[in-house]
Amino acid sequence: MLTSRDLALIAMFTGVIAALGLIPAVAPFGAAVPITAQSMGVMLAGAILGSKRGALAVLLFLGLVAIGLPLLSGGRGGLGVFAGPSVGYLVGFPVAAWLVGRLTELIGRPYRVTLGVMANVLGGVLVLNVIGILGMALVADLSLVRATTVAAVFIPGDLIKAVLTALVAVGVHAAYPGLIPARRERTATTPRVHA
C-alpha cells in the first residue's frame, strides 16, 4: 500500500518529468523521434524512487499526457502521441523506470555512481531504446535496421543522461538515505536453504 509520502514523491517526480519537457527537443538530421530531456526524468524516477514508485510516477505522467495535458517536449499531449513514431519510447518509459529502480534497489546502500550508471544504461538506455526502436519500426513502417540507424543518434546523449542521473542520484541518496529501503542483509540468524 502506498503511503502519503509515496504519493507525494510520485507526484513530485511526475512534475520533474513534465518540467524536463520544457527543455526544447532536438531532432538531429530530421529524426522522426526528437531527443528530449524527459528520458533523464524517467531514469531519475527509477534511480531515486525505486522500481514501484518510479514506474508509478512515469505511468501518472503518461496518463496526464493521454488525457491531453501538453507535457511532452514541444507541448505535445493527447492520445495522438501514442499513435506516432515515438510510441515505443513512451511505452518503454515505465519499463525503463521500473528496471532502473529495481537495479538500484539491488545495488543497495550506499548508492554507488559506477553501479548506478550501469543500471541507468541497462534500463534507461538499452531497454528503452530497444522498445523505442520496435515501436518506431512498427508505426513508421521502417525495417529494424533502418529504425536502429535512426535511433543511433540518441545513444551518445542517452549515455550522458545516464551519467548525469547517477551523479544526481548519489547526491539525493546521500541527503535522503531512506528513499530506497536497504536490502536485507544476511545475518547469522537468517536460515540458509540448502538444495
Protein backbone atom coordinates (compact mmCIF):
# COMPACT_ATOMS: atom_id res chain seq x y z
CA MET A 1 0.00 0.00 0.00
CA LEU A 2 1.24 3.46 -0.83
CA THR A 3 1.73 5.96 1.96
CA SER A 4 1.06 9.67 1.69
CA ARG A 5 4.84 10.12 1.43
CA ASP A 6 4.92 7.69 -1.51
CA LEU A 7 2.12 9.59 -3.24
CA ALA A 8 3.90 12.91 -2.71
CA LEU A 9 7.15 11.52 -4.15
CA ILE A 10 5.31 10.03 -7.14
CA ALA A 11 3.56 13.34 -7.81
CA MET A 12 6.82 15.25 -7.42
CA PHE A 13 8.62 13.07 -9.95
CA THR A 14 5.71 13.29 -12.35
CA GLY A 15 6.30 17.04 -12.15
CA VAL A 16 10.05 16.61 -12.66
CA ILE A 17 9.45 14.59 -15.83
CA ALA A 18 6.97 17.20 -17.06
CA ALA A 19 9.39 20.05 -16.27
CA LEU A 20 12.12 18.33 -18.26
CA GLY A 21 9.74 18.52 -21.22
CA LEU A 22 10.14 22.30 -21.15
CA ILE A 23 13.69 21.88 -22.40
CA PRO A 24 13.40 22.17 -26.19
CA ALA A 25 13.61 18.91 -28.11
CA VAL A 26 16.24 18.39 -30.77
CA ALA A 27 15.55 16.33 -33.90
CA PRO A 28 19.00 15.68 -35.35
CA PHE A 29 19.15 15.05 -39.07
CA GLY A 30 15.35 15.20 -39.27
CA ALA A 31 14.87 12.18 -36.99
CA ALA A 32 11.25 11.07 -36.57
CA VAL A 33 11.64 10.93 -32.79
CA PRO A 34 13.11 14.01 -31.07
CA ILE A 35 15.83 13.86 -28.41
CA THR A 36 14.36 15.14 -25.15
CA ALA A 37 15.44 15.50 -21.54
CA GLN A 38 12.40 13.53 -20.39
CA SER A 39 14.19 10.20 -20.66
CA MET A 40 16.53 11.52 -17.98
CA GLY A 41 13.47 12.15 -15.81
CA VAL A 42 12.47 8.52 -16.34
CA MET A 43 15.92 7.35 -15.22
CA LEU A 44 15.84 9.75 -12.25
CA ALA A 45 12.45 8.42 -11.15
CA GLY A 46 13.78 4.87 -11.03
CA ALA A 47 17.19 5.74 -9.60
CA ILE A 48 15.78 7.89 -6.80
CA LEU A 49 12.36 6.41 -6.03
CA GLY A 50 12.98 2.75 -6.81
CA SER A 51 11.08 0.38 -9.07
CA LYS A 52 7.49 0.68 -7.87
CA ARG A 53 7.28 4.40 -7.16
CA GLY A 54 9.45 5.28 -10.16
CA ALA A 55 7.24 3.32 -12.56
CA LEU A 56 4.09 4.77 -10.98
CA ALA A 57 5.43 8.32 -11.42
CA VAL A 58 6.00 7.62 -15.11
CA LEU A 59 2.58 5.98 -15.52
CA LEU A 60 0.93 9.01 -13.90
CA PHE A 61 2.86 11.27 -16.27
CA LEU A 62 1.73 9.22 -19.28
CA GLY A 63 -1.85 9.24 -18.00
CA LEU A 64 -1.79 13.03 -17.84
CA VAL A 65 -0.36 13.14 -21.37
CA ALA A 66 -3.08 10.75 -22.59
CA ILE A 67 -5.90 12.95 -21.26
CA GLY A 68 -4.48 15.85 -23.24
CA LEU A 69 -2.12 17.76 -21.00
CA PRO A 70 0.71 19.12 -23.17
CA LEU A 71 3.50 17.70 -21.02
CA LEU A 72 5.70 16.09 -23.63
CA SER A 73 8.58 18.03 -25.06
CA GLY A 74 7.32 20.58 -27.56
CA GLY A 75 3.99 20.90 -25.74
CA ARG A 76 2.56 17.67 -27.13
CA GLY A 77 -0.18 15.72 -25.45
CA GLY A 78 -3.33 13.72 -26.13
CA LEU A 79 -3.90 10.22 -27.42
CA GLY A 80 -2.42 11.10 -30.81
CA VAL A 81 1.13 10.96 -29.45
CA PHE A 82 0.56 7.28 -28.70
CA ALA A 83 -0.01 6.67 -32.42
CA GLY A 84 3.19 8.39 -33.58
CA PRO A 85 6.72 7.10 -34.12
CA SER A 86 7.71 7.82 -30.52
CA VAL A 87 5.08 5.44 -29.08
CA GLY A 88 7.69 2.77 -28.37
CA TYR A 89 9.66 5.20 -26.25
CA LEU A 90 6.53 6.27 -24.37
CA VAL A 91 5.55 2.64 -23.74
CA GLY A 92 9.13 1.95 -22.69
CA PHE A 93 9.25 4.81 -20.16
CA PRO A 94 7.59 2.92 -17.26
CA VAL A 95 9.51 -0.26 -18.09
CA ALA A 96 12.79 1.68 -18.03
CA ALA A 97 11.90 3.44 -14.77
CA TRP A 98 10.97 0.12 -13.17
CA LEU A 99 14.16 -1.61 -14.34
CA VAL A 100 16.45 1.26 -13.31
CA GLY A 101 14.68 1.31 -9.94
CA ARG A 102 14.92 -2.43 -9.46
CA LEU A 103 18.61 -2.48 -10.30
CA THR A 104 19.15 0.47 -7.96
CA GLU A 105 17.37 -1.44 -5.19
CA LEU A 106 19.66 -4.40 -5.82
CA ILE A 107 22.72 -2.14 -5.62
CA GLY A 108 21.76 -1.34 -2.06
CA ARG A 109 23.22 1.37 0.13
CA PRO A 110 25.24 3.40 -0.23
CA TYR A 111 24.34 4.33 -3.81
CA ARG A 112 27.46 3.96 -5.93
CA VAL A 113 27.88 6.05 -9.07
CA THR A 114 29.54 3.35 -11.18
CA LEU A 115 26.83 0.78 -10.45
CA GLY A 116 24.19 3.49 -10.84
CA VAL A 117 25.50 4.37 -14.30
CA MET A 118 25.36 0.68 -15.24
CA ALA A 119 21.76 0.41 -14.00
CA ASN A 120 20.81 3.56 -15.92
CA VAL A 121 22.49 2.35 -19.10
CA LEU A 122 20.83 -1.06 -18.93
CA GLY A 123 17.32 0.18 -18.10
CA GLY A 124 17.25 3.76 -19.33
CA VAL A 125 19.33 3.40 -22.47
CA LEU A 126 19.42 -0.21 -23.70
CA VAL A 127 15.92 -1.40 -22.79
CA LEU A 128 14.27 1.94 -23.55
CA ASN A 129 15.91 2.11 -26.98
CA VAL A 130 15.03 -1.49 -27.83
CA ILE A 131 11.35 -0.83 -27.05
CA GLY A 132 11.54 2.55 -28.79
CA ILE A 133 13.11 1.08 -31.92
CA LEU A 134 10.47 -1.65 -32.11
CA GLY A 135 7.70 0.95 -31.80
CA MET A 136 9.31 3.24 -34.37
CA ALA A 137 9.75 0.36 -36.82
CA LEU A 138 6.10 -0.67 -36.47
CA VAL A 139 4.50 2.77 -36.58
CA ALA A 140 6.79 4.40 -39.15
CA ASP A 141 6.93 1.22 -41.27
CA LEU A 142 10.71 1.03 -41.09
CA SER A 143 12.92 -2.02 -41.13
CA LEU A 144 14.56 -2.81 -37.80
CA VAL A 145 17.92 -1.93 -39.34
CA ARG A 146 16.66 1.48 -40.51
CA ALA A 147 14.92 2.18 -37.18
CA THR A 148 18.10 1.22 -35.31
CA THR A 149 20.12 3.53 -37.55
CA VAL A 150 17.71 6.40 -36.87
CA ALA A 151 17.83 5.70 -33.12
CA ALA A 152 21.63 5.54 -33.06
CA VAL A 153 21.79 9.34 -32.86
CA PHE A 154 20.20 9.10 -29.41
CA ILE A 155 22.84 6.88 -27.84
CA PRO A 156 25.57 9.45 -27.04
CA GLY A 157 23.04 11.79 -25.42
CA ASP A 158 21.40 8.93 -23.56
CA LEU A 159 24.75 7.84 -22.17
CA ILE A 160 25.42 11.38 -20.94
CA LYS A 161 21.96 11.42 -19.31
CA ALA A 162 22.72 8.06 -17.64
CA VAL A 163 25.88 9.51 -16.08
CA LEU A 164 24.16 12.75 -15.02
CA THR A 165 21.33 10.73 -13.48
CA ALA A 166 23.79 8.71 -11.39
CA LEU A 167 25.54 11.89 -10.25
CA VAL A 168 22.24 13.45 -9.18
CA ALA A 169 21.07 10.20 -7.55
CA VAL A 170 24.22 9.81 -5.45
CA GLY A 171 23.68 13.30 -4.03
CA VAL A 172 19.99 12.73 -3.36
CA HIS A 173 20.61 9.35 -1.71
CA ALA A 174 23.37 10.86 0.44
CA ALA A 175 20.98 13.60 1.60
CA TYR A 176 17.93 11.32 1.94
CA PRO A 177 19.26 7.80 2.58
CA GLY A 178 15.87 6.20 3.23
CA LEU A 179 14.32 6.82 -0.19
CA ILE A 180 15.02 3.26 -1.27
CA PRO A 181 14.82 0.69 1.51
CA ALA A 182 18.05 -1.11 2.33
CA ARG A 183 18.42 -4.63 1.06
CA ARG A 184 18.05 -7.27 3.69
CA GLU A 185 21.47 -8.37 4.72
CA ARG A 186 22.06 -12.00 5.58
CA THR A 187 22.58 -12.29 9.30
CA ALA A 188 23.82 -15.09 11.46
CA THR A 189 20.21 -15.84 12.42
CA THR A 190 18.97 -15.97 8.84
CA PRO A 191 18.40 -19.60 7.94
CA ARG A 192 20.20 -20.85 4.86
CA VAL A 193 18.36 -23.06 2.44
CA HIS A 194 20.37 -25.92 1.02
CA ALA A 195 19.36 -27.67 -2.15
